[in-house]
Amino acid sequence: MLLDPDMSEEHYVEDCQVCCNPIQVFFKMGENGVVHFEAVRLQ
C-alpha cells in the first residue's frame, strides 16, 4: 500500500489487491514519517 507523504492526514476506502474486499485506511504523517496507520476490513 502506497501512502502520499504530502498528505498530513488521510482517510479513504480502497479495495484489497488480493481479495478485492474494501479496506478503510487512515494514516497520519509527522515530520519523520508515518505517526499512525490503521487499516480495517469493511464488510
Protein backbone atom coordinates (compact mmCIF):
# COMPACT_ATOMS: atom_id res chain seq x y z
CA MET A 1 0.00 0.00 0.00
CA LEU A 2 1.45 3.36 -1.00
CA LEU A 3 0.89 6.45 1.14
CA ASP A 4 1.20 10.03 -0.09
CA PRO A 5 3.77 11.76 2.17
CA ASP A 6 2.43 15.18 1.09
CA MET A 7 -0.82 14.46 2.96
CA SER A 8 -0.55 15.15 6.71
CA GLU A 9 -3.65 13.03 7.38
CA GLU A 10 -5.91 10.97 5.15
CA HIS A 11 -8.92 8.67 5.48
CA TYR A 12 -10.19 6.67 2.49
CA VAL A 13 -11.53 3.28 1.31
CA GLU A 14 -9.72 1.12 -1.24
CA ASP A 15 -10.09 -2.45 -2.46
CA CYS A 16 -7.65 -5.11 -1.28
CA GLN A 17 -5.23 -6.06 -4.08
CA VAL A 18 -5.52 -9.76 -3.16
CA CYS A 19 -9.19 -10.42 -2.29
CA CYS A 20 -10.88 -7.25 -3.68
CA ASN A 21 -12.75 -6.60 -0.39
CA PRO A 22 -12.95 -2.95 0.70
CA ILE A 23 -10.49 -1.71 3.32
CA GLN A 24 -10.91 1.52 5.29
CA VAL A 25 -7.50 3.21 5.59
CA PHE A 26 -6.44 6.01 7.94
CA PHE A 27 -2.95 7.41 8.34
CA LYS A 28 -1.27 10.42 9.88
CA MET A 29 2.17 11.71 8.87
CA GLY A 30 4.64 13.56 11.10
CA GLU A 31 7.97 15.23 10.41
CA ASN A 32 9.81 11.89 10.41
CA GLY A 33 7.26 9.74 8.56
CA VAL A 34 4.14 7.79 9.49
CA VAL A 35 2.92 8.50 13.03
CA HIS A 36 -0.28 6.42 12.89
CA PHE A 37 -1.60 3.84 10.42
CA GLU A 38 -4.83 1.87 10.59
CA ALA A 39 -6.46 -0.47 8.05
CA VAL A 40 -9.82 -2.12 8.77
CA ARG A 41 -11.64 -4.62 6.56
CA LEU A 42 -15.17 -3.49 5.76
CA GLN A 43 -17.99 -5.99 5.32
